[in-house]
Amino acid sequence: MNEKRTSSRASERGIALIAVLWGISILSVIATVALATSLSYARIEANGWRELKARTIAEASVVRAVLGLIDSRVEQRWRVDGVPQSFKFDDTNVAVSIQDELGKIDLNTARDDILRNLFRAVISNSDAADAMTDRVLDWRSPGNLNRLNGVTPADYKSAGAPFRPRGGSFQSVDELRLVLGMTDAIYSKVAPVLTVYSRRPTVDPQVAPRLALIAVSGGSSDSADALRAARDPGANGAHPGVLDPALGLGGRAFTIDVDVVLEKRHYRHQAVIRLTGDPKRPYWILAWGATSRT
């Protein structure tokens, strides 16, 4: 009888020990998960803080760029031909480049031949380049008559697109992605030299990027390089890429690219602004690009 009781108690103690060990194991798992979760939240919080700091510095850098645009002293003005300006903000390295939108090709008002030269410069097959140009021209043509290359709204439907050509002005450069046949590779090459803000048939060669100059030079890279070389400072003390302070800048648009370096990571922001000429509100923000990190 005593042996049975002893055996029963031993069994109960064994079960209790197993229960305790299971309990400890479960608590360990819970603690591990809690710790991992806490570390994850800490990382998220740290990343969020860096994002916020980078965005704040970027916004301040846009204001600094505007001041560089409107400075009455020509030697203090910032270049508007895409050449970067580097400085420190709160011990953070920042690089800012300003591109005058008048140096870009306007999707809505550019001459047909300039758009054609642009696509021929980035698409090796000339027939494919011409087809792409025609589709862009079709898209922006009032009424979308499709008289250029025979592309119809039905072709967009056949391609699975839930839309048809606008038959009117592009509302943004990003809308170019919707044109039938447009690829990421082509878009990434042409987008930096395109705009919807200049409203001119050609570009200002004094501030235009190289690819835009190739397009307006009949596709000649040599002519484009010659135009760029003519912008370099000479013995006369010229300030290349700097706008004459005597020019009225009200209504003129600029793209401002900001690269903020925080803890060896690059946070890139882009703003498109239009100067107003009003000292109380010197500019409007037309577009603000999403943050990207590398």
C-alpha atoms as a PDB file:
ATOM      1  CA  MET A   1       0.000   0.000   0.000  1.00  0.00           C
ATOM      2  CA  ASN A   2       2.830   2.380   0.952  1.00  0.00           C
ATOM      3  CA  GLU A   3       4.633   1.479  -2.222  1.00  0.00           C
ATOM      4  CA  LYS A   4       1.572   2.457  -4.267  1.00  0.00           C
ATOM      5  CA  ARG A   5       1.282   5.775  -2.432  1.00  0.00           C
ATOM      6  CA  THR A   6       4.998   6.457  -2.917  1.00  0.00           C
ATOM      7  CA  SER A   7       4.716   5.613  -6.610  1.00  0.00           C
ATOM      8  CA  SER A   8       1.642   7.865  -6.956  1.00  0.00           C
ATOM      9  CA  ARG A   9       3.380  10.776  -5.275  1.00  0.00           C
ATOM     10  CA  ALA A  10       6.448  10.326  -7.467  1.00  0.00           C
ATOM     11  CA  SER A  11       4.237  10.276 -10.516  1.00  0.00           C
ATOM     12  CA  GLU A  12       2.476  13.464  -9.390  1.00  0.00           C
ATOM     13  CA  ARG A  13       5.825  15.139  -8.724  1.00  0.00           C
ATOM     14  CA  GLY A  14       6.990  14.070 -12.177  1.00  0.00           C
ATOM     15  CA  ILE A  15       3.878  15.521 -13.783  1.00  0.00           C
ATOM     16  CA  ALA A  16       4.268  18.714 -11.762  1.00  0.00           C
ATOM     17  CA  LEU A  17       7.925  18.988 -12.845  1.00  0.00           C
ATOM     18  CA  ILE A  18       6.963  18.512 -16.481  1.00  0.00           C
ATOM     19  CA  ALA A  19       4.245  21.171 -16.078  1.00  0.00           C
ATOM     20  CA  VAL A  20       6.764  23.573 -14.547  1.00  0.00           C
ATOM     21  CA  LEU A  21       9.259  22.907 -17.328  1.00  0.00           C
ATOM     22  CA  TRP A  22       6.535  23.425 -19.930  1.00  0.00           C
ATOM     23  CA  GLY A  23       5.543  26.627 -18.182  1.00  0.00           C
ATOM     24  CA  ILE A  24       9.138  27.852 -18.187  1.00  0.00           C
ATOM     25  CA  SER A  25       9.468  26.943 -21.858  1.00  0.00           C
ATOM     26  CA  ILE A  26       6.283  28.823 -22.740  1.00  0.00           C
ATOM     27  CA  LEU A  27       7.399  31.844 -20.703  1.00  0.00           C
ATOM     28  CA  SER A  28      10.767  31.721 -22.493  1.00  0.00           C
ATOM     29  CA  VAL A  29       9.043  31.671 -25.860  1.00  0.00           C
ATOM     30  CA  ILE A  30       6.784  34.555 -24.829  1.00  0.00           C
ATOM     31  CA  ALA A  31       9.784  36.526 -23.548  1.00  0.00           C
ATOM     32  CA  THR A  32      11.709  35.854 -26.761  1.00  0.00           C
ATOM     33  CA  VAL A  33       8.770  36.950 -28.914  1.00  0.00           C
ATOM     34  CA  ALA A  34       8.242  40.018 -26.716  1.00  0.00           C
ATOM     35  CA  LEU A  35      11.926  40.928 -26.996  1.00  0.00           C
ATOM     36  CA  ALA A  36      11.935  40.419 -30.760  1.00  0.00           C
ATOM     37  CA  THR A  37       8.770  42.504 -31.048  1.00  0.00           C
ATOM     38  CA  SER A  38      10.281  45.241 -28.903  1.00  0.00           C
ATOM     39  CA  LEU A  39      13.427  45.256 -31.041  1.00  0.00           C
ATOM     40  CA  SER A  40      11.309  45.360 -34.192  1.00  0.00           C
ATOM     41  CA  TYR A  41       9.316  48.291 -32.836  1.00  0.00           C
ATOM     42  CA  ALA A  42      12.565  49.987 -31.856  1.00  0.00           C
ATOM     43  CA  ARG A  43      13.906  49.529 -35.376  1.00  0.00           C
ATOM     44  CA  ILE A  44      10.650  50.779 -36.867  1.00  0.00           C
ATOM     45  CA  GLU A  45      10.718  53.764 -34.536  1.00  0.00           C
ATOM     46  CA  ALA A  46      14.348  54.500 -35.444  1.00  0.00           C
ATOM     47  CA  ASN A  47      13.583  54.193 -39.157  1.00  0.00           C
ATOM     48  CA  GLY A  48      10.546  56.402 -38.717  1.00  0.00           C
ATOM     49  CA  TRP A  49      12.653  58.994 -36.942  1.00  0.00           C
ATOM     50  CA  ARG A  50      15.247  58.961 -39.734  1.00  0.00           C
ATOM     51  CA  GLU A  51      12.492  59.293 -42.341  1.00  0.00           C
ATOM     52  CA  LEU A  52      11.026  62.250 -40.458  1.00  0.00           C
ATOM     53  CA  LYS A  53      14.408  63.907 -40.038  1.00  0.00           C
ATOM     54  CA  ALA A  54      15.298  63.369 -43.694  1.00  0.00           C
ATOM     55  CA  ARG A  55      11.959  64.806 -44.829  1.00  0.00           C
ATOM     56  CA  THR A  56      12.332  67.815 -42.536  1.00  0.00           C
ATOM     57  CA  ILE A  57      15.839  68.517 -43.824  1.00  0.00           C
ATOM     58  CA  ALA A  58      14.608  68.071 -47.406  1.00  0.00           C
ATOM     59  CA  GLU A  59      11.819  70.594 -46.870  1.00  0.00           C
ATOM     60  CA  ALA A  60      14.294  73.053 -45.365  1.00  0.00           C
ATOM     61  CA  SER A  61      16.645  72.435 -48.308  1.00  0.00           C
ATOM     62  CA  VAL A  62      13.878  73.297 -50.766  1.00  0.00           C
ATOM     63  CA  VAL A  63      13.464  76.635 -48.990  1.00  0.00           C
ATOM     64  CA  ARG A  64      17.248  77.125 -49.121  1.00  0.00           C
ATOM     65  CA  ALA A  65      17.207  76.378 -52.845  1.00  0.00           C
ATOM     66  CA  VAL A  66      14.471  78.967 -53.417  1.00  0.00           C
ATOM     67  CA  LEU A  67      16.589  81.553 -51.615  1.00  0.00           C
ATOM     68  CA  GLY A  68      19.463  80.598 -53.912  1.00  0.00           C
ATOM     69  CA  LEU A  69      17.174  81.063 -56.908  1.00  0.00           C
ATOM     70  CA  ILE A  70      15.990  84.554 -56.026  1.00  0.00           C
ATOM     71  CA  ASP A  71      19.186  85.991 -54.509  1.00  0.00           C
ATOM     72  CA  SER A  72      19.763  89.404 -56.068  1.00  0.00           C
ATOM     73  CA  ARG A  73      23.551  88.826 -56.120  1.00  0.00           C
ATOM     74  CA  VAL A  74      24.446  86.929 -59.259  1.00  0.00           C
ATOM     75  CA  GLU A  75      27.546  85.394 -57.658  1.00  0.00           C
ATOM     76  CA  GLN A  76      25.368  83.954 -54.878  1.00  0.00           C
ATOM     77  CA  ARG A  77      22.677  82.516 -57.122  1.00  0.00           C
ATOM     78  CA  TRP A  78      22.434  78.774 -57.527  1.00  0.00           C
ATOM     79  CA  ARG A  79      22.722  77.069 -60.887  1.00  0.00           C
ATOM     80  CA  VAL A  80      19.495  75.912 -62.520  1.00  0.00           C
ATOM     81  CA  ASP A  81      20.955  73.473 -65.056  1.00  0.00           C
ATOM     82  CA  GLY A  82      20.980  70.401 -62.809  1.00  0.00           C
ATOM     83  CA  VAL A  83      24.500  70.851 -61.412  1.00  0.00           C
ATOM     84  CA  PRO A  84      24.354  69.877 -57.703  1.00  0.00           C
ATOM     85  CA  GLN A  85      25.106  72.220 -54.828  1.00  0.00           C
ATOM     86  CA  SER A  86      26.444  70.557 -51.662  1.00  0.00           C
ATOM     87  CA  PHE A  87      26.261  71.861 -48.100  1.00  0.00           C
ATOM     88  CA  LYS A  88      25.706  70.751 -44.501  1.00  0.00           C
ATOM     89  CA  PHE A  89      22.437  71.148 -42.637  1.00  0.00           C
ATOM     90  CA  ASP A  90      22.565  70.387 -38.915  1.00  0.00           C
ATOM     91  CA  ASP A  91      25.778  68.365 -39.519  1.00  0.00           C
ATOM     92  CA  THR A  92      23.966  66.371 -42.222  1.00  0.00           C
ATOM     93  CA  ASN A  93      25.360  66.190 -45.760  1.00  0.00           C
ATOM     94  CA  VAL A  94      22.899  67.459 -48.360  1.00  0.00           C
ATOM     95  CA  ALA A  95      23.179  67.772 -52.129  1.00  0.00           C
ATOM     96  CA  VAL A  96      20.632  69.870 -54.010  1.00  0.00           C
ATOM     97  CA  SER A  97      20.256  70.257 -57.768  1.00  0.00           C
ATOM     98  CA  ILE A  98      17.867  72.658 -59.459  1.00  0.00           C
ATOM     99  CA  GLN A  99      16.613  72.146 -63.004  1.00  0.00           C
ATOM    100  CA  ASP A 100      14.805  74.961 -64.761  1.00  0.00           C
ATOM    101  CA  GLU A 101      11.668  73.496 -66.372  1.00  0.00           C
ATOM    102  CA  LEU A 102      12.308  75.726 -69.405  1.00  0.00           C
ATOM    103  CA  GLY A 103      15.288  73.496 -70.120  1.00  0.00           C
ATOM    104  CA  LYS A 104      13.031  70.464 -70.442  1.00  0.00           C
ATOM    105  CA  ILE A 105      10.840  69.231 -73.297  1.00  0.00           C
ATOM    106  CA  ASP A 106       7.173  69.950 -72.699  1.00  0.00           C
ATOM    107  CA  LEU A 107       5.043  66.878 -73.394  1.00  0.00           C
ATOM    108  CA  ASN A 108       2.096  69.012 -74.445  1.00  0.00           C
ATOM    109  CA  THR A 109       3.654  71.823 -76.470  1.00  0.00           C
ATOM    110  CA  ALA A 110       6.961  70.479 -77.815  1.00  0.00           C
ATOM    111  CA  ARG A 111       7.346  70.335 -81.566  1.00  0.00           C
ATOM    112  CA  ASP A 112       6.700  66.928 -83.089  1.00  0.00           C
ATOM    113  CA  ASP A 113      10.266  66.662 -84.428  1.00  0.00           C
ATOM    114  CA  ILE A 114      11.769  67.299 -80.983  1.00  0.00           C
ATOM    115  CA  LEU A 115       9.739  64.491 -79.421  1.00  0.00           C
ATOM    116  CA  ARG A 116      10.658  62.218 -82.335  1.00  0.00           C
ATOM    117  CA  ASN A 117      14.375  62.966 -81.908  1.00  0.00           C
ATOM    118  CA  LEU A 118      14.069  62.322 -78.177  1.00  0.00           C
ATOM    119  CA  PHE A 119      12.626  58.838 -78.601  1.00  0.00           C
ATOM    120  CA  ARG A 120      15.040  58.018 -81.407  1.00  0.00           C
ATOM    121  CA  ALA A 121      17.881  58.906 -79.014  1.00  0.00           C
ATOM    122  CA  VAL A 122      16.751  56.320 -76.436  1.00  0.00           C
ATOM    123  CA  ILE A 123      15.157  53.602 -78.628  1.00  0.00           C
ATOM    124  CA  SER A 124      17.625  51.892 -80.970  1.00  0.00           C
ATOM    125  CA  ASN A 125      14.963  50.781 -83.472  1.00  0.00           C
ATOM    126  CA  SER A 126      13.906  53.902 -85.368  1.00  0.00           C
ATOM    127  CA  ASP A 127      10.538  52.407 -86.404  1.00  0.00           C
ATOM    128  CA  ALA A 128       9.743  51.598 -82.772  1.00  0.00           C
ATOM    129  CA  ALA A 129      10.863  55.091 -81.741  1.00  0.00           C
ATOM    130  CA  ASP A 130       8.615  56.697 -84.355  1.00  0.00           C
ATOM    131  CA  ALA A 131       5.680  54.512 -83.298  1.00  0.00           C
ATOM    132  CA  MET A 132       6.161  55.570 -79.691  1.00  0.00           C
ATOM    133  CA  THR A 133       6.317  59.220 -80.718  1.00  0.00           C
ATOM    134  CA  ASP A 134       3.105  58.889 -82.698  1.00  0.00           C
ATOM    135  CA  ARG A 135       1.326  57.332 -79.724  1.00  0.00           C
ATOM    136  CA  VAL A 136       2.436  60.204 -77.504  1.00  0.00           C
ATOM    137  CA  LEU A 137       1.215  62.705 -80.082  1.00  0.00           C
ATOM    138  CA  ASP A 138      -2.057  60.801 -80.380  1.00  0.00           C
ATOM    139  CA  TRP A 139      -2.518  60.902 -76.622  1.00  0.00           C
ATOM    140  CA  ARG A 140      -2.194  64.677 -76.440  1.00  0.00           C
ATOM    141  CA  SER A 141      -4.160  65.436 -79.624  1.00  0.00           C
ATOM    142  CA  PRO A 142      -7.588  67.008 -78.943  1.00  0.00           C
ATOM    143  CA  GLY A 143     -10.334  64.551 -79.787  1.00  0.00           C
ATOM    144  CA  ASN A 144      -7.777  61.723 -80.133  1.00  0.00           C
ATOM    145  CA  LEU A 145      -8.275  61.321 -83.897  1.00  0.00           C
ATOM    146  CA  ASN A 146      -5.555  58.651 -84.098  1.00  0.00           C
ATOM    147  CA  ARG A 147      -4.529  59.952 -87.471  1.00  0.00           C
ATOM    148  CA  LEU A 148      -0.834  59.343 -86.981  1.00  0.00           C
ATOM    149  CA  ASN A 149      -0.243  55.641 -86.495  1.00  0.00           C
ATOM    150  CA  GLY A 150      -3.655  54.025 -86.493  1.00  0.00           C
ATOM    151  CA  VAL A 151      -3.698  53.263 -82.757  1.00  0.00           C
ATOM    152  CA  THR A 152      -7.264  53.288 -81.533  1.00  0.00           C
ATOM    153  CA  PRO A 153      -8.899  53.035 -78.102  1.00  0.00           C
ATOM    154  CA  ALA A 154      -9.697  49.427 -79.046  1.00  0.00           C
ATOM    155  CA  ASP A 155      -5.959  48.705 -79.154  1.00  0.00           C
ATOM    156  CA  TYR A 156      -5.661  49.830 -75.541  1.00  0.00           C
ATOM    157  CA  LYS A 157      -8.602  47.613 -74.622  1.00  0.00           C
ATOM    158  CA  SER A 158      -7.028  44.654 -76.420  1.00  0.00           C
ATOM    159  CA  ALA A 159      -3.838  45.232 -74.452  1.00  0.00           C
ATOM    160  CA  GLY A 160      -5.825  44.934 -71.221  1.00  0.00           C
ATOM    161  CA  ALA A 161      -5.658  48.625 -70.342  1.00  0.00           C
ATOM    162  CA  PRO A 162      -8.710  49.881 -68.394  1.00  0.00           C
ATOM    163  CA  PHE A 163      -8.437  53.304 -70.056  1.00  0.00           C
ATOM    164  CA  ARG A 164      -8.238  54.955 -73.444  1.00  0.00           C
ATOM    165  CA  PRO A 165      -5.941  57.735 -74.724  1.00  0.00           C
ATOM    166  CA  ARG A 166      -6.780  61.057 -73.116  1.00  0.00           C
ATOM    167  CA  GLY A 167      -7.134  63.004 -76.344  1.00  0.00           C
ATOM    168  CA  GLY A 168      -5.863  66.060 -74.479  1.00  0.00           C
ATOM    169  CA  SER A 169      -2.958  67.458 -72.524  1.00  0.00           C
ATOM    170  CA  PHE A 170      -0.817  65.289 -70.275  1.00  0.00           C
ATOM    171  CA  GLN A 171      -1.548  66.242 -66.675  1.00  0.00           C
ATOM    172  CA  SER A 172       1.854  65.022 -65.458  1.00  0.00           C
ATOM    173  CA  VAL A 173       4.991  63.433 -66.856  1.00  0.00           C
ATOM    174  CA  ASP A 174       4.078  60.268 -64.950  1.00  0.00           C
ATOM    175  CA  GLU A 175       0.985  59.939 -67.180  1.00  0.00           C
ATOM    176  CA  LEU A 176       3.383  59.005 -69.977  1.00  0.00           C
ATOM    177  CA  ARG A 177       3.552  55.545 -68.383  1.00  0.00           C
ATOM    178  CA  LEU A 178      -0.001  54.926 -69.621  1.00  0.00           C
ATOM    179  CA  VAL A 179       0.858  55.331 -73.310  1.00  0.00           C
ATOM    180  CA  LEU A 180       0.651  52.022 -75.150  1.00  0.00           C
ATOM    181  CA  GLY A 181       4.072  50.387 -75.458  1.00  0.00           C
ATOM    182  CA  MET A 182       5.779  52.544 -72.840  1.00  0.00           C
ATOM    183  CA  THR A 183       8.231  50.506 -70.739  1.00  0.00           C
ATOM    184  CA  ASP A 184       9.989  51.295 -67.476  1.00  0.00           C
ATOM    185  CA  ALA A 185      13.326  51.319 -69.308  1.00  0.00           C
ATOM    186  CA  ILE A 186      12.198  53.922 -71.844  1.00  0.00           C
ATOM    187  CA  TYR A 187      10.378  55.995 -69.251  1.00  0.00           C
ATOM    188  CA  SER A 188      13.371  56.132 -66.892  1.00  0.00           C
ATOM    189  CA  LYS A 189      15.495  57.611 -69.700  1.00  0.00           C
ATOM    190  CA  VAL A 190      13.107  60.254 -71.019  1.00  0.00           C
ATOM    191  CA  ALA A 191      11.260  61.335 -67.863  1.00  0.00           C
ATOM    192  CA  PRO A 192      14.132  63.450 -66.401  1.00  0.00           C
ATOM    193  CA  VAL A 193      14.091  65.733 -69.476  1.00  0.00           C
ATOM    194  CA  LEU A 194      10.306  66.026 -69.811  1.00  0.00           C
ATOM    195  CA  THR A 195       7.895  68.491 -68.225  1.00  0.00           C
ATOM    196  CA  VAL A 196       4.319  69.729 -68.392  1.00  0.00           C
ATOM    197  CA  TYR A 197       5.162  73.153 -66.957  1.00  0.00           C
ATOM    198  CA  SER A 198       7.220  75.047 -69.546  1.00  0.00           C
ATOM    199  CA  ARG A 199       4.399  75.427 -72.123  1.00  0.00           C
ATOM    200  CA  ARG A 200       6.952  76.123 -74.868  1.00  0.00           C
ATOM    201  CA  PRO A 201       7.579  74.388 -78.221  1.00  0.00           C
ATOM    202  CA  THR A 202      11.328  74.074 -77.586  1.00  0.00           C
ATOM    203  CA  VAL A 203      13.851  74.381 -74.735  1.00  0.00           C
ATOM    204  CA  ASP A 204      16.198  77.000 -73.321  1.00  0.00           C
ATOM    205  CA  PRO A 205      19.656  75.721 -74.390  1.00  0.00           C
ATOM    206  CA  GLN A 206      21.358  77.614 -71.557  1.00  0.00           C
ATOM    207  CA  VAL A 207      19.825  75.340 -68.919  1.00  0.00           C
ATOM    208  CA  ALA A 208      18.768  72.218 -70.854  1.00  0.00           C
ATOM    209  CA  PRO A 209      20.077  68.708 -69.947  1.00  0.00           C
ATOM    210  CA  ARG A 210      22.225  66.944 -72.550  1.00  0.00           C
ATOM    211  CA  LEU A 211      19.469  64.606 -73.776  1.00  0.00           C
ATOM    212  CA  ALA A 212      17.107  67.545 -74.301  1.00  0.00           C
ATOM    213  CA  LEU A 213      19.824  69.316 -76.293  1.00  0.00           C
ATOM    214  CA  ILE A 214      20.278  66.218 -78.458  1.00  0.00           C
ATOM    215  CA  ALA A 215      16.547  66.260 -79.199  1.00  0.00           C
ATOM    216  CA  VAL A 216      16.524  69.917 -80.237  1.00  0.00           C
ATOM    217  CA  SER A 217      19.768  69.530 -82.210  1.00  0.00           C
ATOM    218  CA  GLY A 218      18.278  67.079 -84.677  1.00  0.00           C
ATOM    219  CA  GLY A 219      19.582  64.075 -82.749  1.00  0.00           C
ATOM    220  CA  SER A 220      23.200  65.216 -82.921  1.00  0.00           C
ATOM    221  CA  SER A 221      25.194  64.504 -79.767  1.00  0.00           C
ATOM    222  CA  ASP A 222      28.112  66.589 -81.114  1.00  0.00           C
ATOM    223  CA  SER A 223      25.888  69.657 -81.432  1.00  0.00           C
ATOM    224  CA  ALA A 224      24.490  69.043 -77.958  1.00  0.00           C
ATOM    225  CA  ASP A 225      27.988  68.809 -76.486  1.00  0.00           C
ATOM    226  CA  ALA A 226      28.989  72.013 -78.268  1.00  0.00           C
ATOM    227  CA  LEU A 227      26.006  73.818 -76.750  1.00  0.00           C
ATOM    228  CA  ARG A 228      26.928  72.532 -73.303  1.00  0.00           C
ATOM    229  CA  ALA A 229      30.562  73.584 -73.759  1.00  0.00           C
ATOM    230  CA  ALA A 230      29.423  77.090 -74.682  1.00  0.00           C
ATOM    231  CA  ARG A 231      27.829  77.341 -71.242  1.00  0.00           C
ATOM    232  CA  ASP A 232      31.137  76.854 -69.412  1.00  0.00           C
ATOM    233  CA  PRO A 233      32.580  79.938 -67.677  1.00  0.00           C
ATOM    234  CA  GLY A 234      35.015  81.893 -69.777  1.00  0.00           C
ATOM    235  CA  ALA A 235      37.452  84.714 -69.263  1.00  0.00           C
ATOM    236  CA  ASN A 236      34.585  87.179 -69.146  1.00  0.00           C
ATOM    237  CA  GLY A 237      33.558  85.884 -65.726  1.00  0.00           C
ATOM    238  CA  ALA A 238      30.269  84.405 -66.901  1.00  0.00           C
ATOM    239  CA  HIS A 239      28.177  82.400 -64.457  1.00  0.00           C
ATOM    240  CA  PRO A 240      27.049  79.242 -66.277  1.00  0.00           C
ATOM    241  CA  GLY A 241      23.617  77.923 -65.469  1.00  0.00           C
ATOM    242  CA  VAL A 242      22.772  80.998 -63.385  1.00  0.00           C
ATOM    243  CA  LEU A 243      19.781  83.145 -64.272  1.00  0.00           C
ATOM    244  CA  ASP A 244      20.252  86.871 -64.779  1.00  0.00           C
ATOM    245  CA  PRO A 245      18.938  88.695 -61.680  1.00  0.00           C
ATOM    246  CA  ALA A 246      17.382  91.258 -64.031  1.00  0.00           C
ATOM    247  CA  LEU A 247      14.993  88.604 -65.344  1.00  0.00           C
ATOM    248  CA  GLY A 248      11.559  88.383 -63.817  1.00  0.00           C
ATOM    249  CA  LEU A 249      11.121  84.897 -62.396  1.00  0.00           C
ATOM    250  CA  GLY A 250       7.461  85.061 -61.461  1.00  0.00           C
ATOM    251  CA  GLY A 251       5.624  82.115 -63.007  1.00  0.00           C
ATOM    252  CA  ARG A 252       8.797  80.166 -63.756  1.00  0.00           C
ATOM    253  CA  ALA A 253       8.917  76.533 -62.578  1.00  0.00           C
ATOM    254  CA  PHE A 254      11.857  74.492 -61.304  1.00  0.00           C
ATOM    255  CA  THR A 255      12.493  70.913 -60.220  1.00  0.00           C
ATOM    256  CA  ILE A 256      14.503  70.682 -56.989  1.00  0.00           C
ATOM    257  CA  ASP A 257      16.151  67.333 -56.234  1.00  0.00           C
ATOM    258  CA  VAL A 258      17.395  66.821 -52.676  1.00  0.00           C
ATOM    259  CA  ASP A 259      19.702  64.031 -51.510  1.00  0.00           C
ATOM    260  CA  VAL A 260      19.987  63.797 -47.699  1.00  0.00           C
ATOM    261  CA  VAL A 261      22.638  61.454 -46.272  1.00  0.00           C
ATOM    262  CA  LEU A 262      21.816  60.067 -42.815  1.00  0.00           C
ATOM    263  CA  GLU A 263      23.888  57.273 -41.283  1.00  0.00           C
ATOM    264  CA  LYS A 264      25.336  56.330 -44.691  1.00  0.00           C
ATOM    265  CA  ARG A 265      21.857  56.059 -46.252  1.00  0.00           C
ATOM    266  CA  HIS A 266      20.597  58.336 -48.995  1.00  0.00           C
ATOM    267  CA  TYR A 267      17.092  59.794 -48.711  1.00  0.00           C
ATOM    268  CA  ARG A 268      16.032  61.399 -51.970  1.00  0.00           C
ATOM    269  CA  HIS A 269      13.203  63.877 -52.372  1.00  0.00           C
ATOM    270  CA  GLN A 270      11.963  65.869 -55.340  1.00  0.00           C
ATOM    271  CA  ALA A 271       9.828  68.991 -55.426  1.00  0.00           C
ATOM    272  CA  VAL A 272       8.540  70.987 -58.379  1.00  0.00           C
ATOM    273  CA  ILE A 273       7.976  74.613 -57.448  1.00  0.00           C
ATOM    274  CA  ARG A 274       6.761  77.707 -59.264  1.00  0.00           C
ATOM    275  CA  LEU A 275       8.066  81.129 -58.258  1.00  0.00           C
ATOM    276  CA  THR A 276       5.338  83.710 -57.735  1.00  0.00           C
ATOM    277  CA  GLY A 277       7.198  87.014 -57.559  1.00  0.00           C
ATOM    278  CA  ASP A 278       5.307  87.691 -54.322  1.00  0.00           C
ATOM    279  CA  PRO A 279       7.724  88.243 -51.389  1.00  0.00           C
ATOM    280  CA  LYS A 280       5.021  87.169 -48.931  1.00  0.00           C
ATOM    281  CA  ARG A 281       4.641  83.817 -50.657  1.00  0.00           C
ATOM    282  CA  PRO A 282       7.596  83.440 -53.019  1.00  0.00           C
ATOM    283  CA  TYR A 283       6.706  79.997 -54.400  1.00  0.00           C
ATOM    284  CA  TRP A 284       4.063  77.312 -54.777  1.00  0.00           C
ATOM    285  CA  ILE A 285       4.770  73.602 -54.583  1.00  0.00           C
ATOM    286  CA  LEU A 286       3.381  71.985 -57.743  1.00  0.00           C
ATOM    287  CA  ALA A 287       4.520  68.448 -56.909  1.00  0.00           C
ATOM    288  CA  TRP A 288       6.322  66.653 -54.089  1.00  0.00           C
ATOM    289  CA  GLY A 289       7.961  63.328 -54.803  1.00  0.00           C
ATOM    290  CA  ALA A 290       7.859  60.375 -52.424  1.00  0.00           C
ATOM    291  CA  THR A 291      10.912  59.549 -50.345  1.00  0.00           C
ATOM    292  CA  SER A 292      13.246  56.908 -51.708  1.00  0.00           C
ATOM    293  CA  ARG A 293      16.125  55.298 -49.817  1.00  0.00           C
ATOM    294  CA  THR A 294      19.363  53.625 -50.881  1.00  0.00           C
END
